[in-house]
Amino acid sequence: MSRWQLRVGPLVLGDLVRIEEYYKEVAPEQIPRWRREFKTITQAIKQNPFLSHEDRPNIRHRATSIFPYHIWFVLNEDSHTVTLVAVIHRRRDPAIAALRASCT
């Protein structure tokens, strides 16, 4: 299967900044590890987004292994793109991701 094109929604960068700001305060040594995990998971999503859990039609997420976050994305099969819409703590309401997805 060919790779999908990855796009980053406008609010995702804010999510990533907030995550790194948190780790700067509590465990700055974890930031490189977080970045590696995020990159690994987004690469896996690009390889095969269908391996991720489908929460709602075309809205999927994949949990990080080490950190307590879910990476939410919208799948567009026509354009062969995956658009990241949220990176949120697993305890946050997933409706946040659905709301963001509806704006893409």
PDB file of N, CA and C in Angstrom:
ATOM      1  N   MET A   1       0.842  -1.178   0.000  1.00  0.00           N
ATOM      2  CA  MET A   1       0.000   0.000   0.000  1.00  0.00           C
ATOM      3  C   MET A   1       0.887   1.240   0.000  1.00  0.00           C
ATOM      4  N   SER A   2       0.493   2.221  -0.791  1.00  0.00           N
ATOM      5  CA  SER A   2       1.287   3.442  -0.845  1.00  0.00           C
ATOM      6  C   SER A   2       1.032   4.313   0.377  1.00  0.00           C
ATOM      7  N   ARG A   3       1.971   5.197   0.612  1.00  0.00           N
ATOM      8  CA  ARG A   3       1.857   6.104   1.752  1.00  0.00           C
ATOM      9  C   ARG A   3       0.808   7.168   1.466  1.00  0.00           C
ATOM     10  N   TRP A   4       0.213   7.609   2.522  1.00  0.00           N
ATOM     11  CA  TRP A   4      -0.760   8.681   2.452  1.00  0.00           C
ATOM     12  C   TRP A   4      -0.061  10.005   2.708  1.00  0.00           C
ATOM     13  N   GLN A   5      -0.638  11.066   2.174  1.00  0.00           N
ATOM     14  CA  GLN A   5      -0.106  12.398   2.443  1.00  0.00           C
ATOM     15  C   GLN A   5      -0.603  12.843   3.817  1.00  0.00           C
ATOM     16  N   LEU A   6       0.285  13.396   4.608  1.00  0.00           N
ATOM     17  CA  LEU A   6      -0.059  13.837   5.958  1.00  0.00           C
ATOM     18  C   LEU A   6      -0.153  15.352   5.990  1.00  0.00           C
ATOM     19  N   ARG A   7      -1.270  15.834   6.520  1.00  0.00           N
ATOM     20  CA  ARG A   7      -1.460  17.267   6.733  1.00  0.00           C
ATOM     21  C   ARG A   7      -1.674  17.493   8.217  1.00  0.00           C
ATOM     22  N   VAL A   8      -1.307  18.666   8.680  1.00  0.00           N
ATOM     23  CA  VAL A   8      -1.448  18.996  10.098  1.00  0.00           C
ATOM     24  C   VAL A   8      -2.465  20.122  10.218  1.00  0.00           C
ATOM     25  N   GLY A   9      -3.540  19.844  10.937  1.00  0.00           N
ATOM     26  CA  GLY A   9      -4.568  20.852  11.148  1.00  0.00           C
ATOM     27  C   GLY A   9      -4.042  22.014  11.962  1.00  0.00           C
ATOM     28  N   PRO A  10      -4.685  23.186  11.859  1.00  0.00           N
ATOM     29  CA  PRO A  10      -4.159  24.399  12.485  1.00  0.00           C
ATOM     30  C   PRO A  10      -4.070  24.348  14.009  1.00  0.00           C
ATOM     31  N   LEU A  11      -4.895  23.574  14.679  1.00  0.00           N
ATOM     32  CA  LEU A  11      -4.869  23.539  16.142  1.00  0.00           C
ATOM     33  C   LEU A  11      -3.894  22.505  16.707  1.00  0.00           C
ATOM     34  N   VAL A  12      -3.401  21.630  15.855  1.00  0.00           N
ATOM     35  CA  VAL A  12      -2.488  20.579  16.311  1.00  0.00           C
ATOM     36  C   VAL A  12      -1.169  21.171  16.801  1.00  0.00           C
ATOM     37  N   LEU A  13      -0.686  22.185  16.134  1.00  0.00           N
ATOM     38  CA  LEU A  13       0.578  22.794  16.575  1.00  0.00           C
ATOM     39  C   LEU A  13       0.446  23.331  17.994  1.00  0.00           C
ATOM     40  N   GLY A  14      -0.701  23.918  18.318  1.00  0.00           N
ATOM     41  CA  GLY A  14      -0.946  24.378  19.681  1.00  0.00           C
ATOM     42  C   GLY A  14      -0.965  23.226  20.666  1.00  0.00           C
ATOM     43  N   ASP A  15      -1.568  22.101  20.256  1.00  0.00           N
ATOM     44  CA  ASP A  15      -1.567  20.910  21.116  1.00  0.00           C
ATOM     45  C   ASP A  15      -0.139  20.488  21.425  1.00  0.00           C
ATOM     46  N   LEU A  16       0.688  20.439  20.397  1.00  0.00           N
ATOM     47  CA  LEU A  16       2.073  19.987  20.568  1.00  0.00           C
ATOM     48  C   LEU A  16       2.872  20.948  21.440  1.00  0.00           C
ATOM     49  N   VAL A  17       2.642  22.237  21.270  1.00  0.00           N
ATOM     50  CA  VAL A  17       3.331  23.230  22.105  1.00  0.00           C
ATOM     51  C   VAL A  17       2.930  23.036  23.564  1.00  0.00           C
ATOM     52  N   ARG A  18       1.635  22.857  23.827  1.00  0.00           N
ATOM     53  CA  ARG A  18       1.176  22.673  25.209  1.00  0.00           C
ATOM     54  C   ARG A  18       1.760  21.401  25.836  1.00  0.00           C
ATOM     55  N   ILE A  19       1.847  20.344  25.059  1.00  0.00           N
ATOM     56  CA  ILE A  19       2.424  19.101  25.573  1.00  0.00           C
ATOM     57  C   ILE A  19       3.883  19.324  25.945  1.00  0.00           C
ATOM     58  N   GLU A  20       4.630  19.968  25.059  1.00  0.00           N
ATOM     59  CA  GLU A  20       6.050  20.204  25.351  1.00  0.00           C
ATOM     60  C   GLU A  20       6.236  21.179  26.502  1.00  0.00           C
ATOM     61  N   GLU A  21       5.385  22.168  26.623  1.00  0.00           N
ATOM     62  CA  GLU A  21       5.483  23.091  27.762  1.00  0.00           C
ATOM     63  C   GLU A  21       5.272  22.341  29.076  1.00  0.00           C
ATOM     64  N   TYR A  22       4.327  21.420  29.057  1.00  0.00           N
ATOM     65  CA  TYR A  22       4.084  20.619  30.261  1.00  0.00           C
ATOM     66  C   TYR A  22       5.325  19.809  30.623  1.00  0.00           C
ATOM     67  N   TYR A  23       5.886  19.126  29.633  1.00  0.00           N
ATOM     68  CA  TYR A  23       7.062  18.293  29.927  1.00  0.00           C
ATOM     69  C   TYR A  23       8.303  19.130  30.273  1.00  0.00           C
ATOM     70  N   LYS A  24       8.383  20.358  29.779  1.00  0.00           N
ATOM     71  CA  LYS A  24       9.490  21.235  30.181  1.00  0.00           C
ATOM     72  C   LYS A  24       9.455  21.483  31.681  1.00  0.00           C
ATOM     73  N   GLU A  25       8.245  21.559  32.239  1.00  0.00           N
ATOM     74  CA  GLU A  25       8.090  21.810  33.672  1.00  0.00           C
ATOM     75  C   GLU A  25       8.289  20.560  34.524  1.00  0.00           C
ATOM     76  N   VAL A  26       7.771  19.421  34.067  1.00  0.00           N
ATOM     77  CA  VAL A  26       7.771  18.238  34.936  1.00  0.00           C
ATOM     78  C   VAL A  26       8.870  17.219  34.625  1.00  0.00           C
ATOM     79  N   ALA A  27       9.295  17.139  33.361  1.00  0.00           N
ATOM     80  CA  ALA A  27      10.308  16.141  32.994  1.00  0.00           C
ATOM     81  C   ALA A  27      10.932  16.515  31.648  1.00  0.00           C
ATOM     82  N   PRO A  28      11.771  17.535  31.624  1.00  0.00           N
ATOM     83  CA  PRO A  28      12.316  18.001  30.350  1.00  0.00           C
ATOM     84  C   PRO A  28      13.108  16.936  29.586  1.00  0.00           C
ATOM     85  N   GLU A  29      13.641  15.966  30.299  1.00  0.00           N
ATOM     86  CA  GLU A  29      14.388  14.903  29.617  1.00  0.00           C
ATOM     87  C   GLU A  29      13.488  14.022  28.755  1.00  0.00           C
ATOM     88  N   GLN A  30      12.174  14.115  28.945  1.00  0.00           N
ATOM     89  CA  GLN A  30      11.230  13.294  28.177  1.00  0.00           C
ATOM     90  C   GLN A  30      10.860  13.907  26.823  1.00  0.00           C
ATOM     91  N   ILE A  31      11.194  15.157  26.606  1.00  0.00           N
ATOM     92  CA  ILE A  31      10.798  15.818  25.356  1.00  0.00           C
ATOM     93  C   ILE A  31      11.352  15.117  24.117  1.00  0.00           C
ATOM     94  N   PRO A  32      12.625  14.758  24.057  1.00  0.00           N
ATOM     95  CA  PRO A  32      13.103  14.032  22.866  1.00  0.00           C
ATOM     96  C   PRO A  32      12.377  12.689  22.676  1.00  0.00           C
ATOM     97  N   ARG A  33      12.102  12.030  23.757  1.00  0.00           N
ATOM     98  CA  ARG A  33      11.383  10.750  23.684  1.00  0.00           C
ATOM     99  C   ARG A  33       9.967  10.965  23.132  1.00  0.00           C
ATOM    100  N   TRP A  34       9.292  12.020  23.614  1.00  0.00           N
ATOM    101  CA  TRP A  34       7.961  12.352  23.115  1.00  0.00           C
ATOM    102  C   TRP A  34       8.004  12.643  21.616  1.00  0.00           C
ATOM    103  N   ARG A  35       8.985  13.427  21.181  1.00  0.00           N
ATOM    104  CA  ARG A  35       9.097  13.767  19.763  1.00  0.00           C
ATOM    105  C   ARG A  35       9.309  12.531  18.903  1.00  0.00           C
ATOM    106  N   ARG A  36      10.160  11.617  19.386  1.00  0.00           N
ATOM    107  CA  ARG A  36      10.397  10.369  18.636  1.00  0.00           C
ATOM    108  C   ARG A  36       9.113   9.552  18.535  1.00  0.00           C
ATOM    109  N   GLU A  37       8.395   9.452  19.652  1.00  0.00           N
ATOM    110  CA  GLU A  37       7.167   8.654  19.619  1.00  0.00           C
ATOM    111  C   GLU A  37       6.133   9.282  18.687  1.00  0.00           C
ATOM    112  N   PHE A  38       5.969  10.586  18.755  1.00  0.00           N
ATOM    113  CA  PHE A  38       5.021  11.270  17.880  1.00  0.00           C
ATOM    114  C   PHE A  38       5.379  11.014  16.415  1.00  0.00           C
ATOM    115  N   LYS A  39       6.658  11.139  16.089  1.00  0.00           N
ATOM    116  CA  LYS A  39       7.094  10.913  14.705  1.00  0.00           C
ATOM    117  C   LYS A  39       6.854   9.468  14.277  1.00  0.00           C
ATOM    118  N   THR A  40       7.167   8.532  15.147  1.00  0.00           N
ATOM    119  CA  THR A  40       6.960   7.116  14.823  1.00  0.00           C
ATOM    120  C   THR A  40       5.489   6.829  14.543  1.00  0.00           C
ATOM    121  N   ILE A  41       4.619   7.358  15.377  1.00  0.00           N
ATOM    122  CA  ILE A  41       3.191   7.080  15.205  1.00  0.00           C
ATOM    123  C   ILE A  41       2.639   7.770  13.963  1.00  0.00           C
ATOM    124  N   THR A  42       3.049   9.004  13.704  1.00  0.00           N
ATOM    125  CA  THR A  42       2.532   9.655  12.501  1.00  0.00           C
ATOM    126  C   THR A  42       3.047   8.957  11.239  1.00  0.00           C
ATOM    127  N   GLN A  43       4.262   8.434  11.286  1.00  0.00           N
ATOM    128  CA  GLN A  43       4.759   7.666  10.144  1.00  0.00           C
ATOM    129  C   GLN A  43       3.932   6.387   9.945  1.00  0.00           C
ATOM    130  N   ALA A  44       3.578   5.740  11.037  1.00  0.00           N
ATOM    131  CA  ALA A  44       2.754   4.531  10.950  1.00  0.00           C
ATOM    132  C   ALA A  44       1.369   4.856  10.403  1.00  0.00           C
ATOM    133  N   ILE A  45       0.827   5.987  10.813  1.00  0.00           N
ATOM    134  CA  ILE A  45      -0.480   6.406  10.296  1.00  0.00           C
ATOM    135  C   ILE A  45      -0.390   6.637   8.793  1.00  0.00           C
ATOM    136  N   LYS A  46       0.686   7.267   8.337  1.00  0.00           N
ATOM    137  CA  LYS A  46       0.874   7.483   6.903  1.00  0.00           C
ATOM    138  C   LYS A  46       0.979   6.173   6.139  1.00  0.00           C
ATOM    139  N   GLN A  47       1.602   5.178   6.743  1.00  0.00           N
ATOM    140  CA  GLN A  47       1.755   3.881   6.080  1.00  0.00           C
ATOM    141  C   GLN A  47       0.416   3.175   5.913  1.00  0.00           C
ATOM    142  N   ASN A  48      -0.381   3.164   6.990  1.00  0.00           N
ATOM    143  CA  ASN A  48      -1.680   2.499   6.910  1.00  0.00           C
ATOM    144  C   ASN A  48      -2.632   3.091   7.954  1.00  0.00           C
ATOM    145  N   PRO A  49      -3.367   4.116   7.577  1.00  0.00           N
ATOM    146  CA  PRO A  49      -4.278   4.752   8.537  1.00  0.00           C
ATOM    147  C   PRO A  49      -5.427   3.845   8.968  1.00  0.00           C
ATOM    148  N   PHE A  50      -5.697   2.800   8.202  1.00  0.00           N
ATOM    149  CA  PHE A  50      -6.810   1.908   8.527  1.00  0.00           C
ATOM    150  C   PHE A  50      -6.519   1.020   9.734  1.00  0.00           C
ATOM    151  N   LEU A  51      -5.279   0.990  10.191  1.00  0.00           N
ATOM    152  CA  LEU A  51      -4.955   0.219  11.386  1.00  0.00           C
ATOM    153  C   LEU A  51      -5.310   0.966  12.668  1.00  0.00           C
ATOM    154  N   SER A  52      -5.739   2.193  12.524  1.00  0.00           N
ATOM    155  CA  SER A  52      -6.124   3.008  13.676  1.00  0.00           C
ATOM    156  C   SER A  52      -7.608   2.822  13.967  1.00  0.00           C
ATOM    157  N   HIS A  53      -7.964   3.071  15.212  1.00  0.00           N
ATOM    158  CA  HIS A  53      -9.349   2.900  15.650  1.00  0.00           C
ATOM    159  C   HIS A  53     -10.251   3.950  15.006  1.00  0.00           C
ATOM    160  N   GLU A  54     -11.359   3.500  14.419  1.00  0.00           N
ATOM    161  CA  GLU A  54     -12.328   4.427  13.840  1.00  0.00           C
ATOM    162  C   GLU A  54     -13.367   4.763  14.898  1.00  0.00           C
ATOM    163  N   ASP A  55     -13.387   6.021  15.295  1.00  0.00           N
ATOM    164  CA  ASP A  55     -14.308   6.479  16.327  1.00  0.00           C
ATOM    165  C   ASP A  55     -15.649   6.858  15.713  1.00  0.00           C
ATOM    166  N   ARG A  56     -15.603   7.571  14.622  1.00  0.00           N
ATOM    167  CA  ARG A  56     -16.765   7.999  13.856  1.00  0.00           C
ATOM    168  C   ARG A  56     -16.370   7.851  12.396  1.00  0.00           C
ATOM    169  N   PRO A  57     -17.329   7.881  11.483  1.00  0.00           N
ATOM    170  CA  PRO A  57     -16.942   7.739  10.073  1.00  0.00           C
ATOM    171  C   PRO A  57     -15.842   8.728   9.681  1.00  0.00           C
ATOM    172  N   ASN A  58     -14.755   8.195   9.192  1.00  0.00           N
ATOM    173  CA  ASN A  58     -13.576   8.932   8.723  1.00  0.00           C
ATOM    174  C   ASN A  58     -12.808   9.662   9.812  1.00  0.00           C
ATOM    175  N   ILE A  59     -13.188   9.514  11.073  1.00  0.00           N
ATOM    176  CA  ILE A  59     -12.427  10.093  12.176  1.00  0.00           C
ATOM    177  C   ILE A  59     -11.799   8.939  12.946  1.00  0.00           C
ATOM    178  N   ARG A  60     -10.481   8.948  12.989  1.00  0.00           N
ATOM    179  CA  ARG A  60      -9.753   7.852  13.618  1.00  0.00           C
ATOM    180  C   ARG A  60      -8.767   8.389  14.632  1.00  0.00           C
ATOM    181  N   HIS A  61      -8.289   7.491  15.471  1.00  0.00           N
ATOM    182  CA  HIS A  61      -7.239   7.895  16.408  1.00  0.00           C
ATOM    183  C   HIS A  61      -6.333   6.708  16.695  1.00  0.00           C
ATOM    184  N   ARG A  62      -5.143   7.082  17.118  1.00  0.00           N
ATOM    185  CA  ARG A  62      -4.170   6.090  17.544  1.00  0.00           C
ATOM    186  C   ARG A  62      -3.557   6.579  18.843  1.00  0.00           C
ATOM    187  N   ALA A  63      -3.486   5.682  19.803  1.00  0.00           N
ATOM    188  CA  ALA A  63      -2.902   6.023  21.102  1.00  0.00           C
ATOM    189  C   ALA A  63      -1.384   5.946  21.017  1.00  0.00           C
ATOM    190  N   THR A  64      -0.732   6.830  21.749  1.00  0.00           N
ATOM    191  CA  THR A  64       0.705   6.727  21.882  1.00  0.00           C
ATOM    192  C   THR A  64       1.001   5.582  22.850  1.00  0.00           C
ATOM    193  N   SER A  65       2.154   4.996  22.717  1.00  0.00           N
ATOM    194  CA  SER A  65       2.511   3.838  23.543  1.00  0.00           C
ATOM    195  C   SER A  65       3.024   4.232  24.919  1.00  0.00           C
ATOM    196  N   ILE A  66       3.848   5.257  24.942  1.00  0.00           N
ATOM    197  CA  ILE A  66       4.549   5.628  26.169  1.00  0.00           C
ATOM    198  C   ILE A  66       3.825   6.749  26.906  1.00  0.00           C
ATOM    199  N   PHE A  67       3.332   7.709  26.162  1.00  0.00           N
ATOM    200  CA  PHE A  67       2.719   8.891  26.746  1.00  0.00           C
ATOM    201  C   PHE A  67       1.192   8.776  26.689  1.00  0.00           C
ATOM    202  N   PRO A  68       0.476   9.525  27.533  1.00  0.00           N
ATOM    203  CA  PRO A  68      -0.982   9.360  27.639  1.00  0.00           C
ATOM    204  C   PRO A  68      -1.781  10.214  26.650  1.00  0.00           C
ATOM    205  N   TYR A  69      -1.456  10.109  25.376  1.00  0.00           N
ATOM    206  CA  TYR A  69      -2.119  10.933  24.372  1.00  0.00           C
ATOM    207  C   TYR A  69      -2.684  10.092  23.243  1.00  0.00           C
ATOM    208  N   HIS A  70      -3.678  10.671  22.586  1.00  0.00           N
ATOM    209  CA  HIS A  70      -4.236  10.087  21.375  1.00  0.00           C
ATOM    210  C   HIS A  70      -4.028  11.085  20.247  1.00  0.00           C
ATOM    211  N   ILE A  71      -3.661  10.564  19.101  1.00  0.00           N
ATOM    212  CA  ILE A  71      -3.507  11.374  17.908  1.00  0.00           C
ATOM    213  C   ILE A  71      -4.736  11.130  17.048  1.00  0.00           C
ATOM    214  N   TRP A  72      -5.520  12.168  16.858  1.00  0.00           N
ATOM    215  CA  TRP A  72      -6.783  12.086  16.114  1.00  0.00           C
ATOM    216  C   TRP A  72      -6.588  12.623  14.705  1.00  0.00           C
ATOM    217  N   PHE A  73      -7.224  11.972  13.727  1.00  0.00           N
ATOM    218  CA  PHE A  73      -7.074  12.421  12.355  1.00  0.00           C
ATOM    219  C   PHE A  73      -8.312  12.099  11.535  1.00  0.00           C
ATOM    220  N   VAL A  74      -8.425  12.824  10.430  1.00  0.00           N
ATOM    221  CA  VAL A  74      -9.506  12.627   9.466  1.00  0.00           C
ATOM    222  C   VAL A  74      -8.892  11.983   8.236  1.00  0.00           C
ATOM    223  N   LEU A  75      -9.563  10.993   7.744  1.00  0.00           N
ATOM    224  CA  LEU A  75      -9.104  10.243   6.579  1.00  0.00           C
ATOM    225  C   LEU A  75      -9.935  10.658   5.373  1.00  0.00           C
ATOM    226  N   ASN A  76      -9.263  11.054   4.295  1.00  0.00           N
ATOM    227  CA  ASN A  76      -9.950  11.385   3.051  1.00  0.00           C
ATOM    228  C   ASN A  76      -9.426  10.446   1.976  1.00  0.00           C
ATOM    229  N   GLU A  77     -10.221   9.438   1.676  1.00  0.00           N
ATOM    230  CA  GLU A  77      -9.772   8.425   0.721  1.00  0.00           C
ATOM    231  C   GLU A  77      -9.684   8.970  -0.703  1.00  0.00           C
ATOM    232  N   ASP A  78     -10.531   9.945  -1.039  1.00  0.00           N
ATOM    233  CA  ASP A  78     -10.510  10.504  -2.394  1.00  0.00           C
ATOM    234  C   ASP A  78      -9.189  11.197  -2.695  1.00  0.00           C
ATOM    235  N   SER A  79      -8.705  11.994  -1.752  1.00  0.00           N
ATOM    236  CA  SER A  79      -7.447  12.720  -1.968  1.00  0.00           C
ATOM    237  C   SER A  79      -6.236  11.977  -1.397  1.00  0.00           C
ATOM    238  N   HIS A  80      -6.497  10.826  -0.766  1.00  0.00           N
ATOM    239  CA  HIS A  80      -5.425  10.006  -0.191  1.00  0.00           C
ATOM    240  C   HIS A  80      -4.633  10.802   0.850  1.00  0.00           C
ATOM    241  N   THR A  81      -5.386  11.541   1.703  1.00  0.00           N
ATOM    242  CA  THR A  81      -4.741  12.360   2.721  1.00  0.00           C
ATOM    243  C   THR A  81      -5.250  12.002   4.109  1.00  0.00           C
ATOM    244  N   VAL A  82      -4.371  12.229   5.049  1.00  0.00           N
ATOM    245  CA  VAL A  82      -4.667  12.099   6.470  1.00  0.00           C
ATOM    246  C   VAL A  82      -4.410  13.477   7.064  1.00  0.00           C
ATOM    247  N   THR A  83      -5.413  14.045   7.721  1.00  0.00           N
ATOM    248  CA  THR A  83      -5.253  15.357   8.338  1.00  0.00           C
ATOM    249  C   THR A  83      -5.333  15.211   9.850  1.00  0.00           C
ATOM    250  N   LEU A  84      -4.228  15.508  10.516  1.00  0.00           N
ATOM    251  CA  LEU A  84      -4.228  15.484  11.970  1.00  0.00           C
ATOM    252  C   LEU A  84      -5.100  16.630  12.468  1.00  0.00           C
ATOM    253  N   VAL A  85      -6.005  16.323  13.410  1.00  0.00           N
ATOM    254  CA  VAL A  85      -6.893  17.368  13.925  1.00  0.00           C
ATOM    255  C   VAL A  85      -6.699  17.627  15.405  1.00  0.00           C
ATOM    256  N   ALA A  86      -6.136  16.666  16.146  1.00  0.00           N
ATOM    257  CA  ALA A  86      -5.946  16.870  17.587  1.00  0.00           C
ATOM    258  C   ALA A  86      -4.923  15.887  18.129  1.00  0.00           C
ATOM    259  N   VAL A  87      -4.177  16.356  19.112  1.00  0.00           N
ATOM    260  CA  VAL A  87      -3.315  15.503  19.919  1.00  0.00           C
ATOM    261  C   VAL A  87      -3.691  15.847  21.348  1.00  0.00           C
ATOM    262  N   ILE A  88      -4.494  14.981  21.951  1.00  0.00           N
ATOM    263  CA  ILE A  88      -5.060  15.307  23.260  1.00  0.00           C
ATOM    264  C   ILE A  88      -4.851  14.166  24.251  1.00  0.00           C
ATOM    265  N   HIS A  89      -4.833  14.531  25.508  1.00  0.00           N
ATOM    266  CA  HIS A  89      -4.679  13.561  26.585  1.00  0.00           C
ATOM    267  C   HIS A  89      -5.811  12.552  26.517  1.00  0.00           C
ATOM    268  N   ARG A  90      -5.501  11.318  26.814  1.00  0.00           N
ATOM    269  CA  ARG A  90      -6.504  10.257  26.693  1.00  0.00           C
ATOM    270  C   ARG A  90      -7.709  10.450  27.610  1.00  0.00           C
ATOM    271  N   ARG A  91      -7.592  11.268  28.654  1.00  0.00           N
ATOM    272  CA  ARG A  91      -8.718  11.516  29.553  1.00  0.00           C
ATOM    273  C   ARG A  91      -9.617  12.669  29.098  1.00  0.00           C
ATOM    274  N   ARG A  92      -9.181  13.380  28.075  1.00  0.00           N
ATOM    275  CA  ARG A  92     -10.015  14.484  27.573  1.00  0.00           C
ATOM    276  C   ARG A  92     -11.141  13.938  26.710  1.00  0.00           C
ATOM    277  N   ASP A  93     -12.178  14.699  26.598  1.00  0.00           N
ATOM    278  CA  ASP A  93     -13.365  14.302  25.851  1.00  0.00           C
ATOM    279  C   ASP A  93     -13.032  14.168  24.364  1.00  0.00           C
ATOM    280  N   PRO A  94     -13.277  12.998  23.765  1.00  0.00           N
ATOM    281  CA  PRO A  94     -12.981  12.830  22.333  1.00  0.00           C
ATOM    282  C   PRO A  94     -13.850  13.698  21.427  1.00  0.00           C
ATOM    283  N   ALA A  95     -14.906  14.272  21.991  1.00  0.00           N
ATOM    284  CA  ALA A  95     -15.734  15.170  21.199  1.00  0.00           C
ATOM    285  C   ALA A  95     -14.926  16.379  20.711  1.00  0.00           C
ATOM    286  N   ILE A  96     -13.853  16.707  21.402  1.00  0.00           N
ATOM    287  CA  ILE A  96     -12.958  17.789  20.973  1.00  0.00           C
ATOM    288  C   ILE A  96     -12.442  17.480  19.567  1.00  0.00           C
ATOM    289  N   ALA A  97     -11.995  16.266  19.380  1.00  0.00           N
ATOM    290  CA  ALA A  97     -11.467  15.871  18.075  1.00  0.00           C
ATOM    291  C   ALA A  97     -12.563  15.877  17.016  1.00  0.00           C
ATOM    292  N   ALA A  98     -13.741  15.399  17.372  1.00  0.00           N
ATOM    293  CA  ALA A  98     -14.840  15.372  16.413  1.00  0.00           C
ATOM    294  C   ALA A  98     -15.231  16.785  15.999  1.00  0.00           C
ATOM    295  N   LEU A  99     -15.239  17.702  16.952  1.00  0.00           N
ATOM    296  CA  LEU A  99     -15.564  19.094  16.632  1.00  0.00           C
ATOM    297  C   LEU A  99     -14.519  19.683  15.682  1.00  0.00           C
ATOM    298  N   ARG A 100     -13.265  19.437  15.982  1.00  0.00           N
ATOM    299  CA  ARG A 100     -12.200  19.933  15.103  1.00  0.00           C
ATOM    300  C   ARG A 100     -12.295  19.303  13.721  1.00  0.00           C
ATOM    301  N   ALA A 101     -12.623  18.012  13.674  1.00  0.00           N
ATOM    302  CA  ALA A 101     -12.714  17.307  12.392  1.00  0.00           C
ATOM    303  C   ALA A 101     -13.812  17.908  11.520  1.00  0.00           C
ATOM    304  N   SER A 102     -14.887  18.340  12.152  1.00  0.00           N
ATOM    305  CA  SER A 102     -15.990  18.908  11.390  1.00  0.00           C
ATOM    306  C   SER A 102     -15.615  20.238  10.756  1.00  0.00           C
ATOM    307  N   CYS A 103     -14.535  20.846  11.225  1.00  0.00           N
ATOM    308  CA  CYS A 103     -14.090  22.138  10.693  1.00  0.00           C
ATOM    309  C   CYS A 103     -13.051  21.988   9.582  1.00  0.00           C
ATOM    310  N   THR A 104     -12.630  20.763   9.278  1.00  0.00           N
ATOM    311  CA  THR A 104     -11.598  20.579   8.243  1.00  0.00           C
ATOM    312  C   THR A 104     -12.195  20.484   6.872  1.00  0.00           C
TER     313      THR A 104
END
